[in-house]
């Protein structure tokens, strides 16, 4: 008989440890089926979470939506680090059900990793297109790892589109378009966060995310060339 019991949420626990003894923990819970963020109820929302507060240029949400869903879900994190500098060193530990990741890094790089989760699980119509990747979230991913995961996710989506009778984009003709839109959201959101922060850790964390989308928009072929050597002896080799 099929198991109809709901699956427990997917859990990521980010722990930030600083040299002065300060510790800050953030638990992220995702619905196991939809990968939507399981939000905590919090009121009131900060003024900077209003949808029209530096709203992204390509935002498809209308005036009937009062608050930016990403901003609301990120508000606790942003408020916690609004007076923190990017260059501050921190030890970041990420606990998942399967394994534990740990890295000594600058604060904005650690924040970028967790902000990426919130951005694609908060029901933003643009960012939601990247949601499948969060199921295989890789903290502190390198540029090469990010390229591989992004292109792999896109091609997997084309396979399922084909299975449903749609026309797949095996040549990646529209791949850059997806990330161009994502980059616009990241750029717009960085302005919102900049006006919600005193120091630069939050905004530079978002800029890291934005830079990847901008690079793909202009340099897709170069990005593919960076990983082509992996398949010289792989399953596609003659």
C-alpha atoms as a PDB file:
ATOM      1  CA  UNK A   1       0.000   0.000   0.000  1.00  0.00           C
ATOM      2  CA  UNK A   2       1.291   3.514  -0.734  1.00  0.00           C
ATOM      3  CA  UNK A   3       2.483   5.569   2.169  1.00  0.00           C
ATOM      4  CA  UNK A   4       0.113   8.523   2.417  1.00  0.00           C
ATOM      5  CA  UNK A   5       1.776   9.983   5.464  1.00  0.00           C
ATOM      6  CA  UNK A   6       3.108  13.513   4.877  1.00  0.00           C
ATOM      7  CA  UNK A   7       6.862  13.719   4.689  1.00  0.00           C
ATOM      8  CA  UNK A   8       8.658  15.762   7.332  1.00  0.00           C
ATOM      9  CA  UNK A   9       9.968  19.135   6.169  1.00  0.00           C
ATOM     10  CA  UNK A  10      13.433  19.457   4.697  1.00  0.00           C
ATOM     11  CA  UNK A  11      15.624  21.214   7.251  1.00  0.00           C
ATOM     12  CA  UNK A  12      18.714  23.386   6.893  1.00  0.00           C
ATOM     13  CA  UNK A  13      20.237  24.776  10.081  1.00  0.00           C
ATOM     14  CA  UNK A  14      22.755  27.568   9.535  1.00  0.00           C
ATOM     15  CA  UNK A  15      25.005  28.402  12.485  1.00  0.00           C
ATOM     16  CA  UNK A  16      27.144  31.549  12.400  1.00  0.00           C
ATOM     17  CA  UNK A  17      29.963  31.676  14.977  1.00  0.00           C
ATOM     18  CA  UNK A  18      32.096  34.793  15.446  1.00  0.00           C
ATOM     19  CA  UNK A  19      35.481  35.409  17.068  1.00  0.00           C
ATOM     20  CA  UNK A  20      33.934  37.503  19.854  1.00  0.00           C
ATOM     21  CA  UNK A  21      31.780  34.563  20.948  1.00  0.00           C
ATOM     22  CA  UNK A  22      28.576  35.738  19.295  1.00  0.00           C
ATOM     23  CA  UNK A  23      26.421  32.944  17.859  1.00  0.00           C
ATOM     24  CA  UNK A  24      23.451  33.286  15.508  1.00  0.00           C
ATOM     25  CA  UNK A  25      21.354  30.340  14.300  1.00  0.00           C
ATOM     26  CA  UNK A  26      18.792  30.238  11.503  1.00  0.00           C
ATOM     27  CA  UNK A  27      16.587  27.214  10.837  1.00  0.00           C
ATOM     28  CA  UNK A  28      15.103  26.914   7.350  1.00  0.00           C
ATOM     29  CA  UNK A  29      12.224  24.475   6.871  1.00  0.00           C
ATOM     30  CA  UNK A  30      10.902  23.573   3.429  1.00  0.00           C
ATOM     31  CA  UNK A  31       7.780  21.648   2.517  1.00  0.00           C
ATOM     32  CA  UNK A  32       9.048  18.269   1.320  1.00  0.00           C
ATOM     33  CA  UNK A  33       6.640  18.188  -1.639  1.00  0.00           C
ATOM     34  CA  UNK A  34       6.535  21.786  -2.887  1.00  0.00           C
ATOM     35  CA  UNK A  35       9.873  23.016  -1.508  1.00  0.00           C
ATOM     36  CA  UNK A  36       8.025  26.130  -0.343  1.00  0.00           C
ATOM     37  CA  UNK A  37       9.414  27.831   2.737  1.00  0.00           C
ATOM     38  CA  UNK A  38       7.524  26.922   5.884  1.00  0.00           C
ATOM     39  CA  UNK A  39       7.287  30.452   7.236  1.00  0.00           C
ATOM     40  CA  UNK A  40       7.132  31.538  10.827  1.00  0.00           C
ATOM     41  CA  UNK A  41       4.303  33.937  11.595  1.00  0.00           C
ATOM     42  CA  UNK A  42       5.822  37.300  12.426  1.00  0.00           C
ATOM     43  CA  UNK A  43       4.257  40.731  12.805  1.00  0.00           C
ATOM     44  CA  UNK A  44       4.626  43.527  12.123  1.00  0.00           C
ATOM     45  CA  UNK A  45       6.683  43.375   8.938  1.00  0.00           C
ATOM     46  CA  UNK A  46       9.420  46.025   8.582  1.00  0.00           C
ATOM     47  CA  UNK A  47       8.593  48.935   6.287  1.00  0.00           C
ATOM     48  CA  UNK A  48      11.261  47.842   3.794  1.00  0.00           C
ATOM     49  CA  UNK A  49       9.339  44.616   3.097  1.00  0.00           C
ATOM     50  CA  UNK A  50       6.504  46.522   1.383  1.00  0.00           C
ATOM     51  CA  UNK A  51       6.218  45.436  -2.258  1.00  0.00           C
ATOM     52  CA  UNK A  52       6.580  48.980  -3.593  1.00  0.00           C
ATOM     53  CA  UNK A  53       9.705  49.682  -1.512  1.00  0.00           C
ATOM     54  CA  UNK A  54      12.371  49.579  -4.248  1.00  0.00           C
ATOM     55  CA  UNK A  55      10.246  47.021  -6.102  1.00  0.00           C
ATOM     56  CA  UNK A  56      12.199  44.982  -8.668  1.00  0.00           C
ATOM     57  CA  UNK A  57      11.834  46.377 -12.196  1.00  0.00           C
ATOM     58  CA  UNK A  58      10.570  43.048 -13.569  1.00  0.00           C
ATOM     59  CA  UNK A  59       8.340  42.147 -10.620  1.00  0.00           C
ATOM     60  CA  UNK A  60       5.076  40.634 -11.965  1.00  0.00           C
ATOM     61  CA  UNK A  61       3.171  41.109  -8.691  1.00  0.00           C
ATOM     62  CA  UNK A  62       0.432  43.719  -8.616  1.00  0.00           C
ATOM     63  CA  UNK A  63      -0.832  46.237  -6.080  1.00  0.00           C
ATOM     64  CA  UNK A  64      -3.110  43.630  -4.559  1.00  0.00           C
ATOM     65  CA  UNK A  65       0.045  42.183  -2.948  1.00  0.00           C
ATOM     66  CA  UNK A  66       1.079  44.404  -0.033  1.00  0.00           C
ATOM     67  CA  UNK A  67       4.417  42.845   0.874  1.00  0.00           C
ATOM     68  CA  UNK A  68       7.260  41.333  -1.127  1.00  0.00           C
ATOM     69  CA  UNK A  69       7.160  37.628  -0.173  1.00  0.00           C
ATOM     70  CA  UNK A  70      10.938  37.265  -0.353  1.00  0.00           C
ATOM     71  CA  UNK A  71      11.523  40.348   1.793  1.00  0.00           C
ATOM     72  CA  UNK A  72       9.092  39.159   4.445  1.00  0.00           C
ATOM     73  CA  UNK A  73      10.761  35.763   4.733  1.00  0.00           C
ATOM     74  CA  UNK A  74      14.234  37.294   4.765  1.00  0.00           C
ATOM     75  CA  UNK A  75      13.423  40.065   7.238  1.00  0.00           C
ATOM     76  CA  UNK A  76      14.706  38.303  10.354  1.00  0.00           C
ATOM     77  CA  UNK A  77      18.001  37.440   8.699  1.00  0.00           C
ATOM     78  CA  UNK A  78      18.474  40.914   7.225  1.00  0.00           C
ATOM     79  CA  UNK A  79      17.604  42.638  10.490  1.00  0.00           C
ATOM     80  CA  UNK A  80      20.044  40.390  12.362  1.00  0.00           C
ATOM     81  CA  UNK A  81      22.973  41.429  10.167  1.00  0.00           C
ATOM     82  CA  UNK A  82      21.988  44.962   9.143  1.00  0.00           C
ATOM     83  CA  UNK A  83      24.929  46.453  11.045  1.00  0.00           C
ATOM     84  CA  UNK A  84      27.490  43.776  10.080  1.00  0.00           C
ATOM     85  CA  UNK A  85      30.391  44.258   7.664  1.00  0.00           C
ATOM     86  CA  UNK A  86      31.019  41.949   4.709  1.00  0.00           C
ATOM     87  CA  UNK A  87      34.644  41.306   5.631  1.00  0.00           C
ATOM     88  CA  UNK A  88      33.893  40.055   9.137  1.00  0.00           C
ATOM     89  CA  UNK A  89      35.141  36.494   9.519  1.00  0.00           C
ATOM     90  CA  UNK A  90      32.739  33.808  10.682  1.00  0.00           C
ATOM     91  CA  UNK A  91      32.602  30.055  10.988  1.00  0.00           C
ATOM     92  CA  UNK A  92      29.456  28.849   9.227  1.00  0.00           C
ATOM     93  CA  UNK A  93      28.088  25.368   9.882  1.00  0.00           C
ATOM     94  CA  UNK A  94      25.169  23.999   7.872  1.00  0.00           C
ATOM     95  CA  UNK A  95      23.376  20.971   9.244  1.00  0.00           C
ATOM     96  CA  UNK A  96      21.127  18.842   7.033  1.00  0.00           C
ATOM     97  CA  UNK A  97      19.558  15.425   7.541  1.00  0.00           C
ATOM     98  CA  UNK A  98      22.262  13.806   5.439  1.00  0.00           C
ATOM     99  CA  UNK A  99      25.472  15.678   6.336  1.00  0.00           C
ATOM    100  CA  UNK A 100      27.129  18.697   7.919  1.00  0.00           C
ATOM    101  CA  UNK A 101      29.017  21.418   6.042  1.00  0.00           C
ATOM    102  CA  UNK A 102      31.425  23.825   7.693  1.00  0.00           C
ATOM    103  CA  UNK A 103      33.585  26.687   6.454  1.00  0.00           C
ATOM    104  CA  UNK A 104      35.570  29.603   7.822  1.00  0.00           C
ATOM    105  CA  UNK A 105      34.641  32.460   5.512  1.00  0.00           C
ATOM    106  CA  UNK A 106      33.654  36.104   5.264  1.00  0.00           C
ATOM    107  CA  UNK A 107      30.187  36.944   6.472  1.00  0.00           C
ATOM    108  CA  UNK A 108      28.737  38.016   3.122  1.00  0.00           C
ATOM    109  CA  UNK A 109      29.719  34.704   1.518  1.00  0.00           C
ATOM    110  CA  UNK A 110      28.084  32.754   4.325  1.00  0.00           C
ATOM    111  CA  UNK A 111      24.964  34.891   4.100  1.00  0.00           C
ATOM    112  CA  UNK A 112      24.815  34.481   0.331  1.00  0.00           C
ATOM    113  CA  UNK A 113      24.427  30.729   0.769  1.00  0.00           C
ATOM    114  CA  UNK A 114      21.370  30.931   3.031  1.00  0.00           C
ATOM    115  CA  UNK A 115      19.830  33.933   1.242  1.00  0.00           C
ATOM    116  CA  UNK A 116      19.831  31.854  -1.940  1.00  0.00           C
ATOM    117  CA  UNK A 117      17.458  29.384  -0.253  1.00  0.00           C
ATOM    118  CA  UNK A 118      15.002  32.081   0.816  1.00  0.00           C
ATOM    119  CA  UNK A 119      15.029  33.741  -2.598  1.00  0.00           C
ATOM    120  CA  UNK A 120      13.785  30.651  -4.459  1.00  0.00           C
ATOM    121  CA  UNK A 121      11.316  29.269  -1.886  1.00  0.00           C
ATOM    122  CA  UNK A 122       9.259  32.362  -1.026  1.00  0.00           C
ATOM    123  CA  UNK A 123       6.794  32.335  -3.947  1.00  0.00           C
ATOM    124  CA  UNK A 124       8.433  35.020  -6.047  1.00  0.00           C
ATOM    125  CA  UNK A 125       7.136  34.240  -9.580  1.00  0.00           C
ATOM    126  CA  UNK A 126      10.576  34.894 -11.104  1.00  0.00           C
ATOM    127  CA  UNK A 127      12.788  33.145  -8.552  1.00  0.00           C
ATOM    128  CA  UNK A 128      10.495  30.123  -8.243  1.00  0.00           C
ATOM    129  CA  UNK A 129      11.896  28.810 -11.534  1.00  0.00           C
ATOM    130  CA  UNK A 130      15.090  27.911  -9.669  1.00  0.00           C
ATOM    131  CA  UNK A 131      13.296  26.116  -6.856  1.00  0.00           C
ATOM    132  CA  UNK A 132      14.184  22.522  -7.896  1.00  0.00           C
ATOM    133  CA  UNK A 133      17.849  23.263  -7.180  1.00  0.00           C
ATOM    134  CA  UNK A 134      17.133  23.956  -3.510  1.00  0.00           C
ATOM    135  CA  UNK A 135      16.340  20.265  -2.985  1.00  0.00           C
ATOM    136  CA  UNK A 136      20.022  19.635  -3.669  1.00  0.00           C
ATOM    137  CA  UNK A 137      21.322  22.760  -1.957  1.00  0.00           C
ATOM    138  CA  UNK A 138      25.106  22.926  -1.860  1.00  0.00           C
ATOM    139  CA  UNK A 139      26.433  25.454   0.679  1.00  0.00           C
ATOM    140  CA  UNK A 140      29.540  27.400  -0.295  1.00  0.00           C
ATOM    141  CA  UNK A 141      29.375  26.189  -3.912  1.00  0.00           C
ATOM    142  CA  UNK A 142      32.200  27.203  -6.231  1.00  0.00           C
ATOM    143  CA  UNK A 143      31.549  28.920  -9.557  1.00  0.00           C
ATOM    144  CA  UNK A 144      32.144  25.639 -11.400  1.00  0.00           C
ATOM    145  CA  UNK A 145      29.738  23.756  -9.122  1.00  0.00           C
ATOM    146  CA  UNK A 146      27.104  26.460  -9.546  1.00  0.00           C
ATOM    147  CA  UNK A 147      27.375  26.339 -13.332  1.00  0.00           C
ATOM    148  CA  UNK A 148      27.050  22.536 -13.332  1.00  0.00           C
ATOM    149  CA  UNK A 149      24.009  22.556 -11.054  1.00  0.00           C
ATOM    150  CA  UNK A 150      22.275  25.387 -12.936  1.00  0.00           C
ATOM    151  CA  UNK A 151      22.679  23.831 -16.364  1.00  0.00           C
ATOM    152  CA  UNK A 152      21.904  20.346 -15.044  1.00  0.00           C
ATOM    153  CA  UNK A 153      18.649  21.577 -13.495  1.00  0.00           C
ATOM    154  CA  UNK A 154      17.643  23.338 -16.724  1.00  0.00           C
ATOM    155  CA  UNK A 155      18.269  20.255 -18.874  1.00  0.00           C
ATOM    156  CA  UNK A 156      16.390  18.055 -16.407  1.00  0.00           C
ATOM    157  CA  UNK A 157      13.437  20.444 -16.715  1.00  0.00           C
ATOM    158  CA  UNK A 158      13.567  20.056 -20.510  1.00  0.00           C
ATOM    159  CA  UNK A 159      13.457  16.269 -20.139  1.00  0.00           C
ATOM    160  CA  UNK A 160      10.288  16.440 -18.035  1.00  0.00           C
ATOM    161  CA  UNK A 161       8.812  18.983 -20.457  1.00  0.00           C
ATOM    162  CA  UNK A 162       9.390  16.501 -23.282  1.00  0.00           C
ATOM    163  CA  UNK A 163       7.784  13.691 -21.244  1.00  0.00           C
ATOM    164  CA  UNK A 164       4.667  15.854 -20.878  1.00  0.00           C
ATOM    165  CA  UNK A 165       4.467  16.476 -24.626  1.00  0.00           C
ATOM    166  CA  UNK A 166       6.115  19.887 -24.659  1.00  0.00           C
ATOM    167  CA  UNK A 167       8.986  21.085 -26.799  1.00  0.00           C
ATOM    168  CA  UNK A 168      12.311  20.799 -24.975  1.00  0.00           C
ATOM    169  CA  UNK A 169      15.113  23.342 -25.276  1.00  0.00           C
ATOM    170  CA  UNK A 170      18.105  21.005 -25.557  1.00  0.00           C
ATOM    171  CA  UNK A 171      20.243  23.752 -27.110  1.00  0.00           C
ATOM    172  CA  UNK A 172      19.840  26.041 -24.078  1.00  0.00           C
ATOM    173  CA  UNK A 173      18.450  28.825 -26.255  1.00  0.00           C
ATOM    174  CA  UNK A 174      16.311  30.181 -23.422  1.00  0.00           C
ATOM    175  CA  UNK A 175      18.582  29.289 -20.522  1.00  0.00           C
ATOM    176  CA  UNK A 176      20.187  32.729 -20.326  1.00  0.00           C
ATOM    177  CA  UNK A 177      16.731  34.359 -20.385  1.00  0.00           C
ATOM    178  CA  UNK A 178      15.815  32.649 -17.126  1.00  0.00           C
ATOM    179  CA  UNK A 179      18.948  33.893 -15.415  1.00  0.00           C
ATOM    180  CA  UNK A 180      18.658  37.352 -16.897  1.00  0.00           C
ATOM    181  CA  UNK A 181      15.283  37.697 -15.163  1.00  0.00           C
ATOM    182  CA  UNK A 182      16.716  36.237 -11.965  1.00  0.00           C
ATOM    183  CA  UNK A 183      19.617  38.674 -12.134  1.00  0.00           C
ATOM    184  CA  UNK A 184      17.174  41.590 -12.405  1.00  0.00           C
ATOM    185  CA  UNK A 185      15.415  40.428  -9.250  1.00  0.00           C
ATOM    186  CA  UNK A 186      18.711  40.059  -7.396  1.00  0.00           C
ATOM    187  CA  UNK A 187      19.767  43.520  -8.539  1.00  0.00           C
ATOM    188  CA  UNK A 188      16.492  45.053  -7.422  1.00  0.00           C
ATOM    189  CA  UNK A 189      16.517  43.185  -4.144  1.00  0.00           C
ATOM    190  CA  UNK A 190      20.058  44.346  -3.392  1.00  0.00           C
ATOM    191  CA  UNK A 191      18.789  47.952  -3.518  1.00  0.00           C
ATOM    192  CA  UNK A 192      15.984  47.098  -1.122  1.00  0.00           C
ATOM    193  CA  UNK A 193      18.382  45.419   1.302  1.00  0.00           C
ATOM    194  CA  UNK A 194      20.908  48.249   1.015  1.00  0.00           C
ATOM    195  CA  UNK A 195      18.300  50.705   2.289  1.00  0.00           C
ATOM    196  CA  UNK A 196      17.364  48.303   5.093  1.00  0.00           C
ATOM    197  CA  UNK A 197      20.954  47.929   6.321  1.00  0.00           C
ATOM    198  CA  UNK A 198      23.572  50.115   7.947  1.00  0.00           C
ATOM    199  CA  UNK A 199      26.613  48.076   6.877  1.00  0.00           C
ATOM    200  CA  UNK A 200      27.214  46.083   3.682  1.00  0.00           C
ATOM    201  CA  UNK A 201      27.122  42.354   4.581  1.00  0.00           C
ATOM    202  CA  UNK A 202      23.506  41.814   3.493  1.00  0.00           C
ATOM    203  CA  UNK A 203      23.716  43.713   0.223  1.00  0.00           C
ATOM    204  CA  UNK A 204      27.022  42.145  -0.834  1.00  0.00           C
ATOM    205  CA  UNK A 205      25.586  38.703  -0.124  1.00  0.00           C
ATOM    206  CA  UNK A 206      22.810  39.395  -2.662  1.00  0.00           C
ATOM    207  CA  UNK A 207      25.313  40.858  -5.141  1.00  0.00           C
ATOM    208  CA  UNK A 208      27.171  37.531  -5.142  1.00  0.00           C
ATOM    209  CA  UNK A 209      23.958  35.835  -6.293  1.00  0.00           C
ATOM    210  CA  UNK A 210      23.359  38.526  -8.900  1.00  0.00           C
ATOM    211  CA  UNK A 211      26.833  38.281 -10.409  1.00  0.00           C
ATOM    212  CA  UNK A 212      26.316  34.675 -11.451  1.00  0.00           C
ATOM    213  CA  UNK A 213      23.161  35.491 -13.417  1.00  0.00           C
ATOM    214  CA  UNK A 214      24.857  38.421 -15.113  1.00  0.00           C
ATOM    215  CA  UNK A 215      27.802  36.256 -16.148  1.00  0.00           C
ATOM    216  CA  UNK A 216      25.545  33.612 -17.678  1.00  0.00           C
ATOM    217  CA  UNK A 217      23.589  36.192 -19.614  1.00  0.00           C
ATOM    218  CA  UNK A 218      26.715  37.321 -21.470  1.00  0.00           C
ATOM    219  CA  UNK A 219      29.104  34.393 -21.264  1.00  0.00           C
ATOM    220  CA  UNK A 220      27.087  31.175 -21.544  1.00  0.00           C
ATOM    221  CA  UNK A 221      29.493  29.560 -23.995  1.00  0.00           C
ATOM    222  CA  UNK A 222      32.459  30.405 -21.780  1.00  0.00           C
ATOM    223  CA  UNK A 223      30.618  28.938 -18.788  1.00  0.00           C
ATOM    224  CA  UNK A 224      30.030  25.699 -20.659  1.00  0.00           C
ATOM    225  CA  UNK A 225      33.645  25.614 -21.778  1.00  0.00           C
ATOM    226  CA  UNK A 226      34.699  25.702 -18.128  1.00  0.00           C
ATOM    227  CA  UNK A 227      33.112  22.304 -17.496  1.00  0.00           C
ATOM    228  CA  UNK A 228      33.388  20.642 -20.927  1.00  0.00           C
ATOM    229  CA  UNK A 229      36.592  18.831 -19.921  1.00  0.00           C
ATOM    230  CA  UNK A 230      34.570  16.769 -17.435  1.00  0.00           C
ATOM    231  CA  UNK A 231      32.892  14.927 -20.300  1.00  0.00           C
ATOM    232  CA  UNK A 232      35.970  14.004 -22.343  1.00  0.00           C
ATOM    233  CA  UNK A 233      35.677  10.471 -20.983  1.00  0.00           C
ATOM    234  CA  UNK A 234      32.131  10.601 -19.703  1.00  0.00           C
ATOM    235  CA  UNK A 235      28.953   8.901 -20.980  1.00  0.00           C
ATOM    236  CA  UNK A 236      28.771  11.279 -23.957  1.00  0.00           C
ATOM    237  CA  UNK A 237      32.295  10.553 -25.168  1.00  0.00           C
ATOM    238  CA  UNK A 238      32.636   8.605 -28.410  1.00  0.00           C
END
